[in-house]
């Protein structure tokens, strides 16, 4: 990642979550979910593969 090629069978993990100390970060808003409250979330990821940057496309 970050400009480097992945190895064969390499992977990337992404976790949509708040920081462990989110309750202390006022700019994140109210992070407490009460039992009677509804919770809706939408997470999207974009992945860009630059084939020009890596001529060895057999690994993509």
PDB file of N, CA and C in Angstrom:
ATOM      1  N   UNK A   1       0.830  -1.176   0.000  1.00  0.00           N
ATOM      2  CA  UNK A   1       0.000   0.000   0.000  1.00  0.00           C
ATOM      3  C   UNK A   1       0.875   1.239   0.000  1.00  0.00           C
ATOM      4  N   UNK A   2       0.265   2.356  -0.180  1.00  0.00           N
ATOM      5  CA  UNK A   2       0.969   3.631  -0.215  1.00  0.00           C
ATOM      6  C   UNK A   2       2.085   3.621  -1.252  1.00  0.00           C
ATOM      7  N   UNK A   3       1.740   3.241  -2.476  1.00  0.00           N
ATOM      8  CA  UNK A   3       2.699   3.284  -3.566  1.00  0.00           C
ATOM      9  C   UNK A   3       3.494   2.016  -3.760  1.00  0.00           C
ATOM     10  N   UNK A   4       3.326   1.039  -2.903  1.00  0.00           N
ATOM     11  CA  UNK A   4       4.049  -0.224  -3.038  1.00  0.00           C
ATOM     12  C   UNK A   4       3.117  -1.287  -3.587  1.00  0.00           C
ATOM     13  N   UNK A   5       3.670  -2.242  -4.284  1.00  0.00           N
ATOM     14  CA  UNK A   5       2.883  -3.353  -4.813  1.00  0.00           C
ATOM     15  C   UNK A   5       2.598  -4.356  -3.712  1.00  0.00           C
ATOM     16  N   UNK A   6       1.443  -4.985  -3.800  1.00  0.00           N
ATOM     17  CA  UNK A   6       1.128  -6.057  -2.862  1.00  0.00           C
ATOM     18  C   UNK A   6       1.765  -7.352  -3.342  1.00  0.00           C
ATOM     19  N   UNK A   7       2.074  -8.226  -2.422  1.00  0.00           N
ATOM     20  CA  UNK A   7       2.618  -9.532  -2.774  1.00  0.00           C
ATOM     21  C   UNK A   7       1.475 -10.439  -3.195  1.00  0.00           C
ATOM     22  N   UNK A   8       1.809 -11.537  -3.880  1.00  0.00           N
ATOM     23  CA  UNK A   8       0.773 -12.506  -4.251  1.00  0.00           C
ATOM     24  C   UNK A   8      -0.002 -12.928  -3.013  1.00  0.00           C
ATOM     25  N   UNK A   9      -1.292 -12.975  -3.133  1.00  0.00           N
ATOM     26  CA  UNK A   9      -2.200 -13.368  -2.057  1.00  0.00           C
ATOM     27  C   UNK A   9      -2.172 -12.388  -0.889  1.00  0.00           C
ATOM     28  N   UNK A  10      -1.659 -11.173  -1.118  1.00  0.00           N
ATOM     29  CA  UNK A  10      -1.687 -10.140  -0.091  1.00  0.00           C
ATOM     30  C   UNK A  10      -3.098  -9.598   0.040  1.00  0.00           C
ATOM     31  N   UNK A  11      -3.359  -8.867   1.072  1.00  0.00           N
ATOM     32  CA  UNK A  11      -4.705  -8.342   1.279  1.00  0.00           C
ATOM     33  C   UNK A  11      -4.697  -7.018   2.006  1.00  0.00           C
ATOM     34  N   UNK A  12      -5.846  -6.393   1.999  1.00  0.00           N
ATOM     35  CA  UNK A  12      -6.050  -5.132   2.685  1.00  0.00           C
ATOM     36  C   UNK A  12      -7.280  -5.301   3.565  1.00  0.00           C
ATOM     37  N   UNK A  13      -7.217  -4.829   4.788  1.00  0.00           N
ATOM     38  CA  UNK A  13      -8.397  -4.842   5.637  1.00  0.00           C
ATOM     39  C   UNK A  13      -8.804  -3.416   5.946  1.00  0.00           C
ATOM     40  N   UNK A  14     -10.077  -3.185   5.996  1.00  0.00           N
ATOM     41  CA  UNK A  14     -10.625  -1.871   6.347  1.00  0.00           C
ATOM     42  C   UNK A  14     -11.718  -2.078   7.378  1.00  0.00           C
ATOM     43  N   UNK A  15     -11.645  -1.339   8.445  1.00  0.00           N
ATOM     44  CA  UNK A  15     -12.643  -1.461   9.489  1.00  0.00           C
ATOM     45  C   UNK A  15     -13.293  -0.106   9.712  1.00  0.00           C
ATOM     46  N   UNK A  16     -14.591  -0.063   9.567  1.00  0.00           N
ATOM     47  CA  UNK A  16     -15.333   1.170   9.816  1.00  0.00           C
ATOM     48  C   UNK A  16     -15.710   1.208  11.290  1.00  0.00           C
ATOM     49  N   UNK A  17     -15.036   2.022  12.035  1.00  0.00           N
ATOM     50  CA  UNK A  17     -15.318   2.131  13.455  1.00  0.00           C
ATOM     51  C   UNK A  17     -14.789   3.456  13.968  1.00  0.00           C
ATOM     52  N   UNK A  18     -15.145   3.788  15.171  1.00  0.00           N
ATOM     53  CA  UNK A  18     -14.666   5.003  15.808  1.00  0.00           C
ATOM     54  C   UNK A  18     -13.390   4.714  16.577  1.00  0.00           C
ATOM     55  N   UNK A  19     -12.589   5.738  16.821  1.00  0.00           N
ATOM     56  CA  UNK A  19     -11.390   5.530  17.639  1.00  0.00           C
ATOM     57  C   UNK A  19     -11.763   5.046  19.043  1.00  0.00           C
ATOM     58  N   UNK A  20     -10.886   4.313  19.713  1.00  0.00           N
ATOM     59  CA  UNK A  20     -11.195   3.811  21.053  1.00  0.00           C
ATOM     60  C   UNK A  20     -11.571   4.903  22.047  1.00  0.00           C
ATOM     61  N   UNK A  21     -11.014   6.093  21.889  1.00  0.00           N
ATOM     62  CA  UNK A  21     -11.332   7.180  22.815  1.00  0.00           C
ATOM     63  C   UNK A  21     -12.344   8.166  22.230  1.00  0.00           C
ATOM     64  N   UNK A  22     -13.221   7.694  21.344  1.00  0.00           N
ATOM     65  CA  UNK A  22     -14.190   8.559  20.665  1.00  0.00           C
ATOM     66  C   UNK A  22     -15.078   9.322  21.640  1.00  0.00           C
ATOM     67  N   UNK A  23     -15.372   8.721  22.777  1.00  0.00           N
ATOM     68  CA  UNK A  23     -16.230   9.394  23.749  1.00  0.00           C
ATOM     69  C   UNK A  23     -15.579  10.672  24.281  1.00  0.00           C
ATOM     70  N   UNK A  24     -14.260  10.760  24.196  1.00  0.00           N
ATOM     71  CA  UNK A  24     -13.528  11.943  24.661  1.00  0.00           C
ATOM     72  C   UNK A  24     -13.240  12.944  23.546  1.00  0.00           C
ATOM     73  N   UNK A  25     -13.679  12.655  22.334  1.00  0.00           N
ATOM     74  CA  UNK A  25     -13.427  13.523  21.185  1.00  0.00           C
ATOM     75  C   UNK A  25     -14.719  14.242  20.816  1.00  0.00           C
ATOM     76  N   UNK A  26     -14.897  15.465  21.288  1.00  0.00           N
ATOM     77  CA  UNK A  26     -16.161  16.185  21.103  1.00  0.00           C
ATOM     78  C   UNK A  26     -16.491  16.433  19.636  1.00  0.00           C
ATOM     79  N   UNK A  27     -15.491  16.526  18.772  1.00  0.00           N
ATOM     80  CA  UNK A  27     -15.762  16.785  17.354  1.00  0.00           C
ATOM     81  C   UNK A  27     -16.411  15.589  16.645  1.00  0.00           C
ATOM     82  N   UNK A  28     -16.450  14.418  17.283  1.00  0.00           N
ATOM     83  CA  UNK A  28     -17.093  13.238  16.700  1.00  0.00           C
ATOM     84  C   UNK A  28     -18.582  13.166  17.027  1.00  0.00           C
ATOM     85  N   UNK A  29     -19.064  14.078  17.847  1.00  0.00           N
ATOM     86  CA  UNK A  29     -20.478  14.086  18.188  1.00  0.00           C
ATOM     87  C   UNK A  29     -20.815  13.043  19.240  1.00  0.00           C
ATOM     88  N   UNK A  30     -22.097  12.754  19.381  1.00  0.00           N
ATOM     89  CA  UNK A  30     -22.552  11.784  20.367  1.00  0.00           C
ATOM     90  C   UNK A  30     -22.287  10.374  19.847  1.00  0.00           C
ATOM     91  N   UNK A  31     -21.451   9.636  20.532  1.00  0.00           N
ATOM     92  CA  UNK A  31     -21.073   8.295  20.080  1.00  0.00           C
ATOM     93  C   UNK A  31     -21.712   7.196  20.920  1.00  0.00           C
ATOM     94  N   UNK A  32     -22.602   7.574  21.831  1.00  0.00           N
ATOM     95  CA  UNK A  32     -23.272   6.589  22.679  1.00  0.00           C
ATOM     96  C   UNK A  32     -24.586   6.178  22.022  1.00  0.00           C
ATOM     97  N   UNK A  33     -24.765   4.890  21.798  1.00  0.00           N
ATOM     98  CA  UNK A  33     -25.990   4.367  21.216  1.00  0.00           C
ATOM     99  C   UNK A  33     -26.823   3.738  22.329  1.00  0.00           C
ATOM    100  N   UNK A  34     -28.001   4.309  22.546  1.00  0.00           N
ATOM    101  CA  UNK A  34     -28.896   3.801  23.594  1.00  0.00           C
ATOM    102  C   UNK A  34     -29.721   2.643  23.038  1.00  0.00           C
ATOM    103  N   UNK A  35     -30.123   1.701  23.908  1.00  0.00           N
ATOM    104  CA  UNK A  35     -30.851   0.501  23.447  1.00  0.00           C
ATOM    105  C   UNK A  35     -32.098   0.799  22.632  1.00  0.00           C
ATOM    106  N   UNK A  36     -32.817   1.864  22.933  1.00  0.00           N
ATOM    107  CA  UNK A  36     -34.056   2.170  22.219  1.00  0.00           C
ATOM    108  C   UNK A  36     -33.826   2.998  20.951  1.00  0.00           C
ATOM    109  N   UNK A  37     -32.609   3.396  20.684  1.00  0.00           N
ATOM    110  CA  UNK A  37     -32.308   4.241  19.530  1.00  0.00           C
ATOM    111  C   UNK A  37     -32.067   3.403  18.276  1.00  0.00           C
ATOM    112  N   UNK A  38     -32.472   3.951  17.135  1.00  0.00           N
ATOM    113  CA  UNK A  38     -32.164   3.323  15.848  1.00  0.00           C
ATOM    114  C   UNK A  38     -30.769   3.751  15.415  1.00  0.00           C
ATOM    115  N   UNK A  39     -30.088   2.880  14.710  1.00  0.00           N
ATOM    116  CA  UNK A  39     -28.746   3.191  14.216  1.00  0.00           C
ATOM    117  C   UNK A  39     -28.686   2.841  12.741  1.00  0.00           C
ATOM    118  N   UNK A  40     -28.290   3.795  11.952  1.00  0.00           N
ATOM    119  CA  UNK A  40     -28.122   3.589  10.511  1.00  0.00           C
ATOM    120  C   UNK A  40     -26.706   3.999  10.134  1.00  0.00           C
ATOM    121  N   UNK A  41     -26.115   3.232   9.262  1.00  0.00           N
ATOM    122  CA  UNK A  41     -24.750   3.524   8.845  1.00  0.00           C
ATOM    123  C   UNK A  41     -24.567   3.122   7.391  1.00  0.00           C
ATOM    124  N   UNK A  42     -23.766   3.886   6.686  1.00  0.00           N
ATOM    125  CA  UNK A  42     -23.407   3.546   5.311  1.00  0.00           C
ATOM    126  C   UNK A  42     -21.903   3.752   5.177  1.00  0.00           C
ATOM    127  N   UNK A  43     -21.232   2.718   4.755  1.00  0.00           N
ATOM    128  CA  UNK A  43     -19.786   2.776   4.574  1.00  0.00           C
ATOM    129  C   UNK A  43     -19.465   2.430   3.137  1.00  0.00           C
ATOM    130  N   UNK A  44     -18.623   3.220   2.514  1.00  0.00           N
ATOM    131  CA  UNK A  44     -18.198   2.908   1.147  1.00  0.00           C
ATOM    132  C   UNK A  44     -16.691   3.074   1.043  1.00  0.00           C
ATOM    133  N   UNK A  45     -16.105   2.249   0.213  1.00  0.00           N
ATOM    134  CA  UNK A  45     -14.660   2.266  -0.006  1.00  0.00           C
ATOM    135  C   UNK A  45     -14.398   2.383  -1.500  1.00  0.00           C
ATOM    136  N   UNK A  46     -13.320   3.039  -1.846  1.00  0.00           N
ATOM    137  CA  UNK A  46     -12.895   3.103  -3.238  1.00  0.00           C
ATOM    138  C   UNK A  46     -11.468   2.577  -3.317  1.00  0.00           C
ATOM    139  N   UNK A  47     -11.217   1.777  -4.310  1.00  0.00           N
ATOM    140  CA  UNK A  47      -9.893   1.213  -4.514  1.00  0.00           C
ATOM    141  C   UNK A  47      -9.459   1.561  -5.920  1.00  0.00           C
ATOM    142  N   UNK A  48      -8.290   2.141  -6.052  1.00  0.00           N
ATOM    143  CA  UNK A  48      -7.764   2.531  -7.352  1.00  0.00           C
ATOM    144  C   UNK A  48      -6.556   1.665  -7.672  1.00  0.00           C
ATOM    145  N   UNK A  49      -6.605   1.028  -8.822  1.00  0.00           N
ATOM    146  CA  UNK A  49      -5.477   0.221  -9.281  1.00  0.00           C
ATOM    147  C   UNK A  49      -4.859   0.927 -10.469  1.00  0.00           C
ATOM    148  N   UNK A  50      -3.616   1.323 -10.320  1.00  0.00           N
ATOM    149  CA  UNK A  50      -2.903   2.030 -11.375  1.00  0.00           C
ATOM    150  C   UNK A  50      -2.029   1.023 -12.111  1.00  0.00           C
ATOM    151  N   UNK A  51      -2.538   0.476 -13.207  1.00  0.00           N
ATOM    152  CA  UNK A  51      -1.806  -0.543 -13.960  1.00  0.00           C
ATOM    153  C   UNK A  51      -0.561   0.031 -14.624  1.00  0.00           C
ATOM    154  N   UNK A  52      -0.559   1.340 -14.895  1.00  0.00           N
ATOM    155  CA  UNK A  52       0.611   1.968 -15.503  1.00  0.00           C
ATOM    156  C   UNK A  52       1.786   2.022 -14.530  1.00  0.00           C
ATOM    157  N   UNK A  53       1.500   2.107 -13.237  1.00  0.00           N
ATOM    158  CA  UNK A  53       2.562   2.190 -12.233  1.00  0.00           C
ATOM    159  C   UNK A  53       3.234   0.846 -12.006  1.00  0.00           C
ATOM    160  N   UNK A  54       2.574  -0.228 -12.386  1.00  0.00           N
ATOM    161  CA  UNK A  54       3.124  -1.562 -12.183  1.00  0.00           C
ATOM    162  C   UNK A  54       2.965  -2.341 -13.474  1.00  0.00           C
ATOM    163  N   UNK A  55       4.032  -2.480 -14.230  1.00  0.00           N
ATOM    164  CA  UNK A  55       3.967  -3.174 -15.516  1.00  0.00           C
ATOM    165  C   UNK A  55       3.789  -4.672 -15.356  1.00  0.00           C
ATOM    166  N   UNK A  56       4.030  -5.193 -14.171  1.00  0.00           N
ATOM    167  CA  UNK A  56       3.870  -6.613 -13.904  1.00  0.00           C
ATOM    168  C   UNK A  56       2.426  -6.878 -13.488  1.00  0.00           C
ATOM    169  N   UNK A  57       1.501  -6.819 -14.468  1.00  0.00           N
ATOM    170  CA  UNK A  57       0.068  -6.897 -14.162  1.00  0.00           C
ATOM    171  C   UNK A  57      -0.389  -8.308 -13.811  1.00  0.00           C
ATOM    172  N   UNK A  58       0.467  -9.307 -13.924  1.00  0.00           N
ATOM    173  CA  UNK A  58       0.046 -10.657 -13.560  1.00  0.00           C
ATOM    174  C   UNK A  58      -0.252 -10.762 -12.065  1.00  0.00           C
ATOM    175  N   UNK A  59       0.266  -9.834 -11.262  1.00  0.00           N
ATOM    176  CA  UNK A  59       0.033  -9.864  -9.823  1.00  0.00           C
ATOM    177  C   UNK A  59      -1.210  -9.096  -9.416  1.00  0.00           C
ATOM    178  N   UNK A  60      -1.901  -8.468 -10.356  1.00  0.00           N
ATOM    179  CA  UNK A  60      -3.087  -7.679 -10.007  1.00  0.00           C
ATOM    180  C   UNK A  60      -4.326  -8.511  -9.983  1.00  0.00           C
TER     181      UNK A  60
END
